[in-house]
Amino acid sequence: MPHIAITLAAASADQGPGAALRIVLLVSIVGAVLLAWFLLRGYRNNDDND
């Protein structure tokens, strides 16, 4: 029975959600930066908007 677990572990090429998790994390960080820029640009104190 232990040889089945070893065979299945060796046969699985995909070792978890590493690449997908990195992509999701990168896109969420970029999205948060863009959202912060979009929201904070409205709070600039320009004198030419009278």
N, C-alpha and C. Protein backbone atom coordinates (compact mmCIF):
# COMPACT_ATOMS: atom_id res chain seq x y z
N MET A 1 0.80 -1.21 0.00
CA MET A 1 0.00 0.00 0.00
C MET A 1 0.85 1.27 0.00
N PRO A 2 1.96 1.38 0.69
CA PRO A 2 2.74 2.61 0.67
C PRO A 2 3.31 2.93 -0.71
N HIS A 3 3.53 1.93 -1.55
CA HIS A 3 4.07 2.20 -2.87
C HIS A 3 3.08 2.94 -3.76
N ILE A 4 1.79 2.81 -3.48
CA ILE A 4 0.77 3.54 -4.25
C ILE A 4 0.88 5.04 -3.95
N ALA A 5 1.07 5.39 -2.70
CA ALA A 5 1.20 6.80 -2.33
C ALA A 5 2.45 7.41 -2.93
N ILE A 6 3.53 6.65 -2.96
CA ILE A 6 4.77 7.16 -3.56
C ILE A 6 4.60 7.35 -5.06
N THR A 7 3.92 6.41 -5.71
CA THR A 7 3.69 6.50 -7.15
C THR A 7 2.79 7.70 -7.47
N LEU A 8 1.75 7.90 -6.69
CA LEU A 8 0.86 9.04 -6.92
C LEU A 8 1.57 10.37 -6.66
N ALA A 9 2.41 10.42 -5.66
CA ALA A 9 3.14 11.65 -5.36
C ALA A 9 4.14 11.98 -6.47
N ALA A 10 4.76 10.95 -7.03
CA ALA A 10 5.73 11.17 -8.10
C ALA A 10 5.03 11.51 -9.41
N ALA A 11 3.81 11.02 -9.59
CA ALA A 11 3.10 11.23 -10.85
C ALA A 11 2.46 12.61 -10.94
N SER A 12 2.24 13.25 -9.80
CA SER A 12 1.57 14.55 -9.84
C SER A 12 2.59 15.63 -10.20
N ALA A 13 2.44 16.18 -11.38
CA ALA A 13 3.38 17.20 -11.84
C ALA A 13 3.03 18.56 -11.24
N ASP A 14 1.77 18.81 -11.02
CA ASP A 14 1.34 20.10 -10.48
C ASP A 14 1.42 20.04 -8.96
N GLN A 15 2.27 20.86 -8.39
CA GLN A 15 2.49 20.84 -6.95
C GLN A 15 1.80 22.03 -6.28
N GLY A 16 0.53 22.15 -6.44
CA GLY A 16 -0.21 23.18 -5.75
C GLY A 16 -0.50 24.39 -6.62
N PRO A 17 -1.13 25.38 -6.03
CA PRO A 17 -1.57 26.56 -6.78
C PRO A 17 -0.52 27.66 -6.83
N GLY A 18 0.74 27.34 -6.96
CA GLY A 18 1.81 28.33 -6.88
C GLY A 18 1.73 29.40 -7.94
N ALA A 19 1.67 29.02 -9.21
CA ALA A 19 1.68 30.01 -10.29
C ALA A 19 0.38 30.83 -10.31
N ALA A 20 -0.74 30.16 -10.13
CA ALA A 20 -2.02 30.87 -10.14
C ALA A 20 -2.10 31.83 -8.95
N LEU A 21 -1.60 31.42 -7.81
CA LEU A 21 -1.63 32.28 -6.63
C LEU A 21 -0.74 33.50 -6.81
N ARG A 22 0.42 33.32 -7.45
CA ARG A 22 1.29 34.46 -7.73
C ARG A 22 0.62 35.45 -8.67
N ILE A 23 -0.07 34.95 -9.69
CA ILE A 23 -0.74 35.83 -10.64
C ILE A 23 -1.86 36.60 -9.97
N VAL A 24 -2.66 35.91 -9.17
CA VAL A 24 -3.76 36.58 -8.46
C VAL A 24 -3.22 37.62 -7.50
N LEU A 25 -2.15 37.32 -6.81
CA LEU A 25 -1.55 38.27 -5.86
C LEU A 25 -1.00 39.49 -6.59
N LEU A 26 -0.33 39.28 -7.71
CA LEU A 26 0.22 40.39 -8.48
C LEU A 26 -0.88 41.28 -9.04
N VAL A 27 -1.92 40.68 -9.59
CA VAL A 27 -3.02 41.47 -10.14
C VAL A 27 -3.74 42.24 -9.04
N SER A 28 -3.91 41.65 -7.87
CA SER A 28 -4.59 42.36 -6.79
C SER A 28 -3.75 43.52 -6.27
N ILE A 29 -2.42 43.35 -6.22
CA ILE A 29 -1.56 44.45 -5.78
C ILE A 29 -1.60 45.59 -6.79
N VAL A 30 -1.51 45.27 -8.07
CA VAL A 30 -1.57 46.30 -9.11
C VAL A 30 -2.94 46.99 -9.08
N GLY A 31 -3.99 46.24 -8.89
CA GLY A 31 -5.33 46.82 -8.79
C GLY A 31 -5.48 47.73 -7.60
N ALA A 32 -4.90 47.36 -6.47
CA ALA A 32 -4.97 48.20 -5.27
C ALA A 32 -4.20 49.50 -5.47
N VAL A 33 -3.06 49.43 -6.15
CA VAL A 33 -2.28 50.65 -6.42
C VAL A 33 -3.05 51.56 -7.36
N LEU A 34 -3.65 51.00 -8.40
CA LEU A 34 -4.42 51.83 -9.34
C LEU A 34 -5.66 52.42 -8.67
N LEU A 35 -6.32 51.66 -7.81
CA LEU A 35 -7.48 52.18 -7.09
C LEU A 35 -7.09 53.31 -6.15
N ALA A 36 -5.96 53.15 -5.44
CA ALA A 36 -5.49 54.21 -4.55
C ALA A 36 -5.14 55.46 -5.34
N TRP A 37 -4.49 55.29 -6.48
CA TRP A 37 -4.14 56.44 -7.31
C TRP A 37 -5.40 57.14 -7.80
N PHE A 38 -6.39 56.39 -8.24
CA PHE A 38 -7.63 56.97 -8.75
C PHE A 38 -8.39 57.72 -7.66
N LEU A 39 -8.43 57.15 -6.46
CA LEU A 39 -9.16 57.80 -5.38
C LEU A 39 -8.40 59.01 -4.83
N LEU A 40 -7.09 58.90 -4.71
CA LEU A 40 -6.33 59.99 -4.10
C LEU A 40 -6.07 61.15 -5.05
N ARG A 41 -6.21 60.95 -6.34
CA ARG A 41 -5.96 62.06 -7.25
C ARG A 41 -7.06 63.12 -7.16
N GLY A 42 -8.20 62.76 -6.63
CA GLY A 42 -9.27 63.72 -6.44
C GLY A 42 -9.03 64.63 -5.25
N TYR A 43 -8.11 64.28 -4.38
CA TYR A 43 -7.85 65.08 -3.18
C TYR A 43 -6.68 66.04 -3.35
N ARG A 44 -6.18 66.17 -4.57
CA ARG A 44 -5.10 67.13 -4.79
C ARG A 44 -5.65 68.54 -4.63
N ASN A 45 -4.83 69.42 -4.12
CA ASN A 45 -5.25 70.80 -3.89
C ASN A 45 -4.69 71.68 -5.00
N ASN A 46 -5.43 71.77 -6.09
CA ASN A 46 -5.03 72.63 -7.21
C ASN A 46 -5.76 73.96 -7.11
N ASP A 47 -5.05 75.05 -7.38
CA ASP A 47 -5.67 76.35 -7.31
C ASP A 47 -6.39 76.75 -8.59
N ASP A 48 -6.25 75.96 -9.64
CA ASP A 48 -6.87 76.34 -10.93
C ASP A 48 -8.26 75.76 -11.12
N ASN A 49 -8.86 75.21 -10.09
CA ASN A 49 -10.22 74.66 -10.23
C ASN A 49 -11.27 75.55 -9.56
N ASP A 50 -11.12 76.84 -9.65
CA ASP A 50 -12.07 77.78 -9.05
C ASP A 50 -13.34 77.85 -9.86
